[in-house]
Amino acid sequence: MNTIMKRLAIILVGILLFNMLPVFASPISAQAAADYDIKEVNFVFLHGFNSNAGSVQPLGDAIFDKLPEYISSYERDNPGIQIVADTLYRSYVNNVDIETWASNIASDINKRFAGKNNLVLIGHSMGGKAALYAVAHNIGNLAEKVAMVVTVNSPIKKLSSYYFIGGDTNLGYEGAQLLLSDQGVLNSIANYDSSEDGLWVANNKHWLALVSAESYPLSPQFDATGVDLLPRDMDDSIVPISCQYSDGADAIYYGEYAHSDFKILEEVADNLADQILRYIFGGNMDFSVLGRAGSFEHKSDLFPG
């Protein structure tokens, strides 16, 4: 009886692994290659400043939880096509300038993800800014391999153009120097404008910018310290909404959420995952998702408006 049960268990495991083949990367047999048009989707998750690979894990988990359903639907609608997916998470030195950061990304991809194409770079904050730079400047020949860049609350435009409380345009980031020694990252965030990088990616590849912000400039919604660092702008606690995208981006406002809410709020990670996967595989995009519901009434007086 024990022998029979062991054989059944082996058979069941074999069936499960066979059913997973269209979703997770594994060697494709010559027969499968002859029967199907194999298409790759390879995700690379890039963390932000003062962070690590674990910070983007919730978004990666949400994407790969939903991915089998999207792949099955796509394959049903496109007979003869088989989707193969893979993923790469890496932690990077995150106190360096944008060029060094981009070079580190390209080096890891070329070493750890050698031979992979149709790359989807998903970068949070500085990770997204560096991803645009790496592709637009073809660092490590990434432009040949990348199909799409997703930026999540990234400081695309230079922060030195925005007013921080007290008139110090770098106030929002100078406090970070207390946490680690700066080797160029603060200057890249404050003074490097990624608009041209983003435009190149948008025109030659695809650029999806996922953005969020408080409901109005003086909202106390994300003032964790009780002080609004950016009193003139709608922001996500760190980056103004108008800084998070530029010309050419397919920008989606996903709600009234703080800079890193997707790391701790499952519903936010799920929402972002759906937006990304719909953008890749097709589907209805939700261009405005409010963090809370309510009503608004305005009555004009002698001086309307």
C-alpha atoms as a PDB file:
ATOM      1  CA  MET A   1       0.000   0.000   0.000  1.00  0.00           C
ATOM      2  CA  ASN A   2       2.822   2.399   0.869  1.00  0.00           C
ATOM      3  CA  THR A   3       4.436   1.766  -2.537  1.00  0.00           C
ATOM      4  CA  ILE A   4       1.147   2.484  -4.342  1.00  0.00           C
ATOM      5  CA  MET A   5       0.648   5.716  -2.394  1.00  0.00           C
ATOM      6  CA  LYS A   6       4.198   6.849  -3.194  1.00  0.00           C
ATOM      7  CA  ARG A   7       3.634   6.216  -6.912  1.00  0.00           C
ATOM      8  CA  LEU A   8       0.350   8.151  -6.828  1.00  0.00           C
ATOM      9  CA  ALA A   9       2.081  11.062  -5.084  1.00  0.00           C
ATOM     10  CA  ILE A  10       4.813  11.114  -7.744  1.00  0.00           C
ATOM     11  CA  ILE A  11       2.183  11.109 -10.504  1.00  0.00           C
ATOM     12  CA  LEU A  12       0.245  13.974  -8.873  1.00  0.00           C
ATOM     13  CA  VAL A  13       3.387  16.072  -8.494  1.00  0.00           C
ATOM     14  CA  GLY A  14       4.226  15.425 -12.136  1.00  0.00           C
ATOM     15  CA  ILE A  15       0.785  16.601 -13.223  1.00  0.00           C
ATOM     16  CA  LEU A  16       1.076  19.802 -11.173  1.00  0.00           C
ATOM     17  CA  LEU A  17       4.494  20.625 -12.591  1.00  0.00           C
ATOM     18  CA  PHE A  18       3.262  19.975 -16.128  1.00  0.00           C
ATOM     19  CA  ASN A  19       0.341  22.350 -15.620  1.00  0.00           C
ATOM     20  CA  MET A  20       2.720  25.072 -14.378  1.00  0.00           C
ATOM     21  CA  LEU A  21       4.913  24.979 -17.475  1.00  0.00           C
ATOM     22  CA  PRO A  22       3.080  27.728 -19.409  1.00  0.00           C
ATOM     23  CA  VAL A  23       3.484  30.137 -16.480  1.00  0.00           C
ATOM     24  CA  PHE A  24       6.914  29.727 -14.976  1.00  0.00           C
ATOM     25  CA  ALA A  25      10.077  29.504 -17.016  1.00  0.00           C
ATOM     26  CA  SER A  26      11.514  26.052 -17.632  1.00  0.00           C
ATOM     27  CA  PRO A  27      13.316  24.427 -20.563  1.00  0.00           C
ATOM     28  CA  ILE A  28      11.020  24.179 -23.589  1.00  0.00           C
ATOM     29  CA  SER A  29      11.231  20.934 -25.511  1.00  0.00           C
ATOM     30  CA  ALA A  30      11.794  20.899 -29.258  1.00  0.00           C
ATOM     31  CA  GLN A  31       8.310  19.459 -29.753  1.00  0.00           C
ATOM     32  CA  ALA A  32       6.692  22.244 -27.693  1.00  0.00           C
ATOM     33  CA  ALA A  33       8.626  24.856 -29.655  1.00  0.00           C
ATOM     34  CA  ALA A  34       7.353  23.319 -32.882  1.00  0.00           C
ATOM     35  CA  ASP A  35       3.743  23.238 -31.662  1.00  0.00           C
ATOM     36  CA  TYR A  36       3.612  26.722 -30.113  1.00  0.00           C
ATOM     37  CA  ASP A  37       4.799  30.232 -30.732  1.00  0.00           C
ATOM     38  CA  ILE A  38       6.646  30.804 -27.441  1.00  0.00           C
ATOM     39  CA  LYS A  39       6.448  34.356 -26.074  1.00  0.00           C
ATOM     40  CA  GLU A  40       8.461  35.499 -23.066  1.00  0.00           C
ATOM     41  CA  VAL A  41       7.477  37.974 -20.350  1.00  0.00           C
ATOM     42  CA  ASN A  42      10.350  38.517 -17.933  1.00  0.00           C
ATOM     43  CA  PHE A  43       9.789  40.751 -14.906  1.00  0.00           C
ATOM     44  CA  VAL A  44      12.614  42.646 -13.197  1.00  0.00           C
ATOM     45  CA  PHE A  45      11.682  44.322  -9.894  1.00  0.00           C
ATOM     46  CA  LEU A  46      13.718  47.366  -8.847  1.00  0.00           C
ATOM     47  CA  HIS A  47      13.538  48.856  -5.365  1.00  0.00           C
ATOM     48  CA  GLY A  48      13.962  52.516  -4.491  1.00  0.00           C
ATOM     49  CA  PHE A  49      16.278  54.743  -2.499  1.00  0.00           C
ATOM     50  CA  ASN A  50      17.169  53.572   1.018  1.00  0.00           C
ATOM     51  CA  SER A  51      15.425  50.248   0.379  1.00  0.00           C
ATOM     52  CA  ASN A  52      16.038  46.682  -0.842  1.00  0.00           C
ATOM     53  CA  ALA A  53      14.501  43.888  -2.906  1.00  0.00           C
ATOM     54  CA  GLY A  54      12.129  42.901  -0.112  1.00  0.00           C
ATOM     55  CA  SER A  55      10.305  46.213  -0.459  1.00  0.00           C
ATOM     56  CA  VAL A  56       8.971  45.320  -3.918  1.00  0.00           C
ATOM     57  CA  GLN A  57       8.178  41.715  -2.993  1.00  0.00           C
ATOM     58  CA  PRO A  58       4.484  42.468  -2.180  1.00  0.00           C
ATOM     59  CA  LEU A  59       3.947  43.854  -5.682  1.00  0.00           C
ATOM     60  CA  GLY A  60       5.837  40.945  -7.227  1.00  0.00           C
ATOM     61  CA  ASP A  61       3.767  38.445  -5.250  1.00  0.00           C
ATOM     62  CA  ALA A  62       0.538  40.133  -6.352  1.00  0.00           C
ATOM     63  CA  ILE A  63       1.609  40.012 -10.003  1.00  0.00           C
ATOM     64  CA  PHE A  64       2.580  36.343  -9.903  1.00  0.00           C
ATOM     65  CA  ASP A  65      -0.584  35.399  -7.991  1.00  0.00           C
ATOM     66  CA  LYS A  66      -2.650  36.941 -10.790  1.00  0.00           C
ATOM     67  CA  LEU A  67      -0.409  36.022 -13.715  1.00  0.00           C
ATOM     68  CA  PRO A  68      -1.728  32.478 -14.401  1.00  0.00           C
ATOM     69  CA  GLU A  69      -5.253  33.813 -14.978  1.00  0.00           C
ATOM     70  CA  TYR A  70      -4.038  36.504 -17.383  1.00  0.00           C
ATOM     71  CA  ILE A  71      -1.870  34.016 -19.265  1.00  0.00           C
ATOM     72  CA  SER A  72      -4.679  31.450 -19.537  1.00  0.00           C
ATOM     73  CA  SER A  73      -7.062  34.083 -20.879  1.00  0.00           C
ATOM     74  CA  TYR A  74      -4.503  35.338 -23.384  1.00  0.00           C
ATOM     75  CA  GLU A  75      -3.660  31.837 -24.587  1.00  0.00           C
ATOM     76  CA  ARG A  76      -7.373  31.011 -25.019  1.00  0.00           C
ATOM     77  CA  ASP A  77      -7.838  34.127 -27.137  1.00  0.00           C
ATOM     78  CA  ASN A  78      -4.647  33.448 -29.113  1.00  0.00           C
ATOM     79  CA  PRO A  79      -4.451  29.726 -29.966  1.00  0.00           C
ATOM     80  CA  GLY A  80      -0.984  28.472 -30.765  1.00  0.00           C
ATOM     81  CA  ILE A  81       0.756  30.935 -28.439  1.00  0.00           C
ATOM     82  CA  GLN A  82       2.369  29.879 -25.188  1.00  0.00           C
ATOM     83  CA  ILE A  83       3.498  32.426 -22.589  1.00  0.00           C
ATOM     84  CA  VAL A  84       6.596  31.730 -20.495  1.00  0.00           C
ATOM     85  CA  ALA A  85       7.336  34.037 -17.555  1.00  0.00           C
ATOM     86  CA  ASP A  86      10.264  34.511 -15.217  1.00  0.00           C
ATOM     87  CA  THR A  87      11.317  37.048 -12.603  1.00  0.00           C
ATOM     88  CA  LEU A  88      14.410  38.674 -11.119  1.00  0.00           C
ATOM     89  CA  TYR A  89      14.747  40.412  -7.751  1.00  0.00           C
ATOM     90  CA  ARG A  90      18.024  42.033  -6.749  1.00  0.00           C
ATOM     91  CA  SER A  91      19.162  44.515  -4.108  1.00  0.00           C
ATOM     92  CA  TYR A  92      21.381  47.369  -5.260  1.00  0.00           C
ATOM     93  CA  VAL A  93      23.685  49.880  -3.620  1.00  0.00           C
ATOM     94  CA  ASN A  94      21.193  52.711  -3.313  1.00  0.00           C
ATOM     95  CA  ASN A  95      23.196  55.774  -2.318  1.00  0.00           C
ATOM     96  CA  VAL A  96      24.904  56.202  -5.704  1.00  0.00           C
ATOM     97  CA  ASP A  97      24.216  58.512  -8.656  1.00  0.00           C
ATOM     98  CA  ILE A  98      21.727  57.553 -11.362  1.00  0.00           C
ATOM     99  CA  GLU A  99      24.360  56.448 -13.903  1.00  0.00           C
ATOM    100  CA  THR A 100      26.019  54.077 -11.425  1.00  0.00           C
ATOM    101  CA  TRP A 101      22.628  52.784 -10.291  1.00  0.00           C
ATOM    102  CA  ALA A 102      21.601  52.106 -13.900  1.00  0.00           C
ATOM    103  CA  SER A 103      24.918  50.362 -14.596  1.00  0.00           C
ATOM    104  CA  ASN A 104      24.411  48.100 -11.573  1.00  0.00           C
ATOM    105  CA  ILE A 105      20.934  47.170 -12.824  1.00  0.00           C
ATOM    106  CA  ALA A 106      22.223  46.375 -16.312  1.00  0.00           C
ATOM    107  CA  SER A 107      25.137  44.357 -14.941  1.00  0.00           C
ATOM    108  CA  ASP A 108      22.859  42.204 -12.792  1.00  0.00           C
ATOM    109  CA  ILE A 109      20.398  41.629 -15.627  1.00  0.00           C
ATOM    110  CA  ASN A 110      23.160  40.601 -18.029  1.00  0.00           C
ATOM    111  CA  LYS A 111      24.650  38.262 -15.431  1.00  0.00           C
ATOM    112  CA  ARG A 112      21.604  36.852 -13.631  1.00  0.00           C
ATOM    113  CA  PHE A 113      19.092  37.084 -16.480  1.00  0.00           C
ATOM    114  CA  ALA A 114      21.382  36.268 -19.402  1.00  0.00           C
ATOM    115  CA  GLY A 115      19.554  35.403 -22.595  1.00  0.00           C
ATOM    116  CA  LYS A 116      16.253  36.900 -21.423  1.00  0.00           C
ATOM    117  CA  ASN A 117      14.336  39.282 -23.660  1.00  0.00           C
ATOM    118  CA  ASN A 118      10.971  41.034 -23.474  1.00  0.00           C
ATOM    119  CA  LEU A 119      11.999  42.451 -20.120  1.00  0.00           C
ATOM    120  CA  VAL A 120       9.451  44.385 -18.066  1.00  0.00           C
ATOM    121  CA  LEU A 121      11.331  46.642 -15.651  1.00  0.00           C
ATOM    122  CA  ILE A 122       9.153  47.609 -12.669  1.00  0.00           C
ATOM    123  CA  GLY A 123      10.836  50.275 -10.579  1.00  0.00           C
ATOM    124  CA  HIS A 124       9.617  51.982  -7.436  1.00  0.00           C
ATOM    125  CA  SER A 125      10.747  55.565  -6.807  1.00  0.00           C
ATOM    126  CA  MET A 126      14.465  55.917  -7.662  1.00  0.00           C
ATOM    127  CA  GLY A 127      14.401  52.382  -9.101  1.00  0.00           C
ATOM    128  CA  GLY A 128      12.004  53.551 -11.807  1.00  0.00           C
ATOM    129  CA  LYS A 129      14.040  56.681 -12.514  1.00  0.00           C
ATOM    130  CA  ALA A 130      17.192  54.574 -12.923  1.00  0.00           C
ATOM    131  CA  ALA A 131      15.333  52.083 -15.148  1.00  0.00           C
ATOM    132  CA  LEU A 132      14.321  54.824 -17.589  1.00  0.00           C
ATOM    133  CA  TYR A 133      17.911  56.079 -17.653  1.00  0.00           C
ATOM    134  CA  ALA A 134      19.334  52.581 -18.246  1.00  0.00           C
ATOM    135  CA  VAL A 135      17.032  51.891 -21.199  1.00  0.00           C
ATOM    136  CA  ALA A 136      17.147  55.348 -22.798  1.00  0.00           C
ATOM    137  CA  HIS A 137      20.964  55.403 -22.622  1.00  0.00           C
ATOM    138  CA  ASN A 138      21.230  51.722 -23.626  1.00  0.00           C
ATOM    139  CA  ILE A 139      23.346  50.863 -20.595  1.00  0.00           C
ATOM    140  CA  GLY A 140      24.577  47.286 -20.999  1.00  0.00           C
ATOM    141  CA  ASN A 141      22.563  47.007 -24.253  1.00  0.00           C
ATOM    142  CA  LEU A 142      19.339  46.972 -22.215  1.00  0.00           C
ATOM    143  CA  ALA A 143      17.434  48.841 -24.928  1.00  0.00           C
ATOM    144  CA  GLU A 144      17.569  45.709 -27.066  1.00  0.00           C
ATOM    145  CA  LYS A 145      16.095  43.532 -24.333  1.00  0.00           C
ATOM    146  CA  VAL A 146      13.507  45.731 -22.605  1.00  0.00           C
ATOM    147  CA  ALA A 147       9.931  45.888 -23.865  1.00  0.00           C
ATOM    148  CA  MET A 148       8.441  48.060 -21.150  1.00  0.00           C
ATOM    149  CA  VAL A 149       9.287  50.194 -18.120  1.00  0.00           C
ATOM    150  CA  VAL A 150       6.858  50.667 -15.238  1.00  0.00           C
ATOM    151  CA  THR A 151       7.568  53.491 -12.808  1.00  0.00           C
ATOM    152  CA  VAL A 152       5.763  53.628  -9.455  1.00  0.00           C
ATOM    153  CA  ASN A 153       5.797  57.018  -7.698  1.00  0.00           C
ATOM    154  CA  SER A 154       9.159  57.834  -9.278  1.00  0.00           C
ATOM    155  CA  PRO A 155      10.675  61.351  -9.136  1.00  0.00           C
ATOM    156  CA  ILE A 156      10.855  61.794 -12.914  1.00  0.00           C
ATOM    157  CA  LYS A 157      11.333  65.551 -12.927  1.00  0.00           C
ATOM    158  CA  LYS A 158      13.966  67.200 -10.773  1.00  0.00           C
ATOM    159  CA  LEU A 159      12.790  67.910  -7.236  1.00  0.00           C
ATOM    160  CA  SER A 160      14.799  71.120  -7.078  1.00  0.00           C
ATOM    161  CA  SER A 161      12.049  72.687  -9.207  1.00  0.00           C
ATOM    162  CA  TYR A 162       9.528  72.250  -6.382  1.00  0.00           C
ATOM    163  CA  TYR A 163       8.999  74.306  -3.255  1.00  0.00           C
ATOM    164  CA  PHE A 164       9.659  72.551   0.033  1.00  0.00           C
ATOM    165  CA  ILE A 165       8.610  74.124   3.311  1.00  0.00           C
ATOM    166  CA  GLY A 166      11.032  76.795   4.416  1.00  0.00           C
ATOM    167  CA  GLY A 167      12.169  77.298   0.827  1.00  0.00           C
ATOM    168  CA  ASP A 168      14.711  74.459   0.986  1.00  0.00           C
ATOM    169  CA  THR A 169      14.138  72.526  -2.247  1.00  0.00           C
ATOM    170  CA  ASN A 170      16.070  69.528  -0.943  1.00  0.00           C
ATOM    171  CA  LEU A 171      14.537  69.373   2.516  1.00  0.00           C
ATOM    172  CA  GLY A 172      12.510  66.287   1.754  1.00  0.00           C
ATOM    173  CA  TYR A 173      15.628  64.256   1.030  1.00  0.00           C
ATOM    174  CA  GLU A 174      18.358  65.815   3.139  1.00  0.00           C
ATOM    175  CA  GLY A 175      17.057  63.981   6.197  1.00  0.00           C
ATOM    176  CA  ALA A 176      17.934  60.730   4.469  1.00  0.00           C
ATOM    177  CA  GLN A 177      21.615  61.596   4.793  1.00  0.00           C
ATOM    178  CA  LEU A 178      21.239  60.777   8.465  1.00  0.00           C
ATOM    179  CA  LEU A 179      20.436  57.199   7.449  1.00  0.00           C
ATOM    180  CA  LEU A 180      23.261  56.578   4.994  1.00  0.00           C
ATOM    181  CA  SER A 181      26.151  58.422   3.402  1.00  0.00           C
ATOM    182  CA  ASP A 182      25.222  60.015   0.110  1.00  0.00           C
ATOM    183  CA  GLN A 183      27.355  59.181  -2.935  1.00  0.00           C
ATOM    184  CA  GLY A 184      25.360  61.009  -5.587  1.00  0.00           C
ATOM    185  CA  VAL A 185      21.807  59.733  -5.238  1.00  0.00           C
ATOM    186  CA  LEU A 186      20.467  62.895  -3.604  1.00  0.00           C
ATOM    187  CA  ASN A 187      21.849  65.049  -6.401  1.00  0.00           C
ATOM    188  CA  SER A 188      20.327  62.730  -9.021  1.00  0.00           C
ATOM    189  CA  ILE A 189      16.929  62.874  -7.335  1.00  0.00           C
ATOM    190  CA  ALA A 190      17.028  66.630  -6.810  1.00  0.00           C
ATOM    191  CA  ASN A 191      18.674  67.808 -10.008  1.00  0.00           C
ATOM    192  CA  TYR A 192      18.434  65.180 -12.778  1.00  0.00           C
ATOM    193  CA  ASP A 193      15.356  65.506 -14.996  1.00  0.00           C
ATOM    194  CA  SER A 194      14.341  62.141 -16.480  1.00  0.00           C
ATOM    195  CA  SER A 195      11.758  63.605 -18.871  1.00  0.00           C
ATOM    196  CA  GLU A 196      13.879  63.013 -21.994  1.00  0.00           C
ATOM    197  CA  ASP A 197      14.683  59.471 -20.850  1.00  0.00           C
ATOM    198  CA  GLY A 198      10.994  58.802 -20.345  1.00  0.00           C
ATOM    199  CA  LEU A 199      10.079  60.263 -23.726  1.00  0.00           C
ATOM    200  CA  TRP A 200      12.632  58.031 -25.471  1.00  0.00           C
ATOM    201  CA  VAL A 201      11.286  54.942 -23.707  1.00  0.00           C
ATOM    202  CA  ALA A 202       7.690  55.961 -24.484  1.00  0.00           C
ATOM    203  CA  ASN A 203       8.464  56.487 -28.172  1.00  0.00           C
ATOM    204  CA  ASN A 204      10.618  53.397 -28.670  1.00  0.00           C
ATOM    205  CA  LYS A 205       9.294  50.946 -26.063  1.00  0.00           C
ATOM    206  CA  HIS A 206       6.447  51.407 -23.558  1.00  0.00           C
ATOM    207  CA  TRP A 207       6.297  53.523 -20.400  1.00  0.00           C
ATOM    208  CA  LEU A 208       3.563  53.040 -17.807  1.00  0.00           C
ATOM    209  CA  ALA A 209       3.706  55.585 -14.968  1.00  0.00           C
ATOM    210  CA  LEU A 210       1.687  54.701 -11.865  1.00  0.00           C
ATOM    211  CA  VAL A 211       1.136  57.814  -9.758  1.00  0.00           C
ATOM    212  CA  SER A 212      -0.646  58.740  -6.522  1.00  0.00           C
ATOM    213  CA  ALA A 213      -1.096  61.763  -4.285  1.00  0.00           C
ATOM    214  CA  GLU A 214      -3.129  63.388  -1.533  1.00  0.00           C
ATOM    215  CA  SER A 215      -6.489  64.945  -2.411  1.00  0.00           C
ATOM    216  CA  TYR A 216      -5.391  68.615  -2.236  1.00  0.00           C
ATOM    217  CA  PRO A 217      -2.096  70.486  -1.666  1.00  0.00           C
ATOM    218  CA  LEU A 218      -2.563  71.323   2.026  1.00  0.00           C
ATOM    219  CA  SER A 219      -4.113  67.992   2.941  1.00  0.00           C
ATOM    220  CA  PRO A 220      -2.662  66.526   6.176  1.00  0.00           C
ATOM    221  CA  GLN A 221      -3.281  63.039   4.765  1.00  0.00           C
ATOM    222  CA  PHE A 222       0.363  61.940   4.425  1.00  0.00           C
ATOM    223  CA  ASP A 223       2.034  64.313   6.896  1.00  0.00           C
ATOM    224  CA  ALA A 224       3.618  61.600   9.013  1.00  0.00           C
ATOM    225  CA  THR A 225       5.587  64.107  11.091  1.00  0.00           C
ATOM    226  CA  GLY A 226       2.751  66.604  11.271  1.00  0.00           C
ATOM    227  CA  VAL A 227       4.447  68.845   8.703  1.00  0.00           C
ATOM    228  CA  ASP A 228       3.537  69.116   5.022  1.00  0.00           C
ATOM    229  CA  LEU A 229       6.933  69.246   3.303  1.00  0.00           C
ATOM    230  CA  LEU A 230       5.345  70.206  -0.020  1.00  0.00           C
ATOM    231  CA  PRO A 231       2.572  72.680   0.873  1.00  0.00           C
ATOM    232  CA  ARG A 232       2.104  73.964  -2.673  1.00  0.00           C
ATOM    233  CA  ASP A 233       1.687  70.587  -4.367  1.00  0.00           C
ATOM    234  CA  MET A 234      -0.404  67.453  -4.194  1.00  0.00           C
ATOM    235  CA  ASP A 235       2.141  64.847  -3.170  1.00  0.00           C
ATOM    236  CA  ASP A 236       2.484  61.246  -1.986  1.00  0.00           C
ATOM    237  CA  SER A 237       4.371  62.419   1.149  1.00  0.00           C
ATOM    238  CA  ILE A 238       7.669  62.644  -0.751  1.00  0.00           C
ATOM    239  CA  VAL A 239       7.115  63.274  -4.488  1.00  0.00           C
ATOM    240  CA  PRO A 240       4.629  65.746  -6.055  1.00  0.00           C
ATOM    241  CA  ILE A 241       2.196  64.109  -8.458  1.00  0.00           C
ATOM    242  CA  SER A 242       3.315  66.287 -11.400  1.00  0.00           C
ATOM    243  CA  CYS A 243       6.884  65.110 -10.752  1.00  0.00           C
ATOM    244  CA  GLN A 244       5.916  61.447 -11.154  1.00  0.00           C
ATOM    245  CA  TYR A 245       5.389  61.520 -14.939  1.00  0.00           C
ATOM    246  CA  SER A 246       6.187  63.594 -18.033  1.00  0.00           C
ATOM    247  CA  ASP A 247       5.355  63.778 -21.749  1.00  0.00           C
ATOM    248  CA  GLY A 248       4.877  60.414 -23.407  1.00  0.00           C
ATOM    249  CA  ALA A 249       3.988  58.428 -20.305  1.00  0.00           C
ATOM    250  CA  ASP A 250       0.846  56.357 -20.118  1.00  0.00           C
ATOM    251  CA  ALA A 251       0.062  57.713 -16.661  1.00  0.00           C
ATOM    252  CA  ILE A 252      -2.456  56.125 -14.313  1.00  0.00           C
ATOM    253  CA  TYR A 253      -3.506  57.847 -11.115  1.00  0.00           C
ATOM    254  CA  TYR A 254      -4.270  54.942  -8.802  1.00  0.00           C
ATOM    255  CA  GLY A 255      -5.647  56.846  -5.844  1.00  0.00           C
ATOM    256  CA  GLU A 256      -4.975  58.765  -2.658  1.00  0.00           C
ATOM    257  CA  TYR A 257      -2.074  56.671  -1.439  1.00  0.00           C
ATOM    258  CA  ALA A 258       1.295  57.433   0.077  1.00  0.00           C
ATOM    259  CA  HIS A 259       4.656  56.836  -1.584  1.00  0.00           C
ATOM    260  CA  SER A 260       5.101  53.245  -0.377  1.00  0.00           C
ATOM    261  CA  ASP A 261       1.579  52.116   0.541  1.00  0.00           C
ATOM    262  CA  PHE A 262       1.762  49.144  -1.838  1.00  0.00           C
ATOM    263  CA  LYS A 263       4.348  47.622   0.509  1.00  0.00           C
ATOM    264  CA  ILE A 264       1.874  47.391   3.409  1.00  0.00           C
ATOM    265  CA  LEU A 265      -1.618  47.545   1.882  1.00  0.00           C
ATOM    266  CA  GLU A 266      -2.571  44.385   0.008  1.00  0.00           C
ATOM    267  CA  GLU A 267      -5.380  46.090  -1.897  1.00  0.00           C
ATOM    268  CA  VAL A 268      -2.952  48.657  -3.294  1.00  0.00           C
ATOM    269  CA  ALA A 269      -0.486  45.984  -4.450  1.00  0.00           C
ATOM    270  CA  ASP A 270      -3.378  44.063  -6.039  1.00  0.00           C
ATOM    271  CA  ASN A 271      -4.588  47.178  -7.848  1.00  0.00           C
ATOM    272  CA  LEU A 272      -1.136  47.984  -9.220  1.00  0.00           C
ATOM    273  CA  ALA A 273      -0.637  44.362 -10.283  1.00  0.00           C
ATOM    274  CA  ASP A 274      -3.890  44.413 -12.243  1.00  0.00           C
ATOM    275  CA  GLN A 275      -2.991  47.690 -13.961  1.00  0.00           C
ATOM    276  CA  ILE A 276       0.396  46.330 -15.021  1.00  0.00           C
ATOM    277  CA  LEU A 277      -0.962  43.004 -16.251  1.00  0.00           C
ATOM    278  CA  ARG A 278      -3.834  44.623 -18.153  1.00  0.00           C
ATOM    279  CA  TYR A 279      -1.345  46.914 -19.821  1.00  0.00           C
ATOM    280  CA  ILE A 280       0.686  43.881 -20.921  1.00  0.00           C
ATOM    281  CA  PHE A 281      -2.061  41.430 -21.845  1.00  0.00           C
ATOM    282  CA  GLY A 282      -4.923  43.797 -22.657  1.00  0.00           C
ATOM    283  CA  GLY A 283      -8.008  44.744 -20.654  1.00  0.00           C
ATOM    284  CA  ASN A 284      -9.864  47.677 -19.156  1.00  0.00           C
ATOM    285  CA  MET A 285      -7.631  50.116 -17.297  1.00  0.00           C
ATOM    286  CA  ASP A 286      -8.846  51.910 -14.172  1.00  0.00           C
ATOM    287  CA  PHE A 287      -7.503  55.431 -14.592  1.00  0.00           C
ATOM    288  CA  SER A 288      -8.815  56.767 -11.292  1.00  0.00           C
ATOM    289  CA  VAL A 289      -9.259  54.813  -8.090  1.00  0.00           C
ATOM    290  CA  LEU A 290     -10.071  56.935  -5.061  1.00  0.00           C
ATOM    291  CA  GLY A 291      -8.769  55.937  -1.673  1.00  0.00           C
ATOM    292  CA  ARG A 292     -12.053  57.022  -0.127  1.00  0.00           C
ATOM    293  CA  ALA A 293     -15.522  58.011  -1.305  1.00  0.00           C
ATOM    294  CA  GLY A 294     -17.517  61.149  -0.550  1.00  0.00           C
ATOM    295  CA  SER A 295     -19.309  64.141  -2.022  1.00  0.00           C
ATOM    296  CA  PHE A 296     -18.411  67.745  -2.745  1.00  0.00           C
ATOM    297  CA  GLU A 297     -20.603  70.825  -2.996  1.00  0.00           C
ATOM    298  CA  HIS A 298     -19.505  74.316  -3.986  1.00  0.00           C
ATOM    299  CA  LYS A 299     -21.635  77.448  -3.748  1.00  0.00           C
ATOM    300  CA  SER A 300     -20.355  80.585  -5.428  1.00  0.00           C
ATOM    301  CA  ASP A 301     -20.856  84.075  -4.030  1.00  0.00           C
ATOM    302  CA  LEU A 302     -20.190  87.529  -5.437  1.00  0.00           C
ATOM    303  CA  PHE A 303     -16.814  86.357  -6.726  1.00  0.00           C
ATOM    304  CA  PRO A 304     -17.440  82.839  -8.093  1.00  0.00           C
ATOM    305  CA  GLY A 305     -14.503  80.503  -8.454  1.00  0.00           C
END
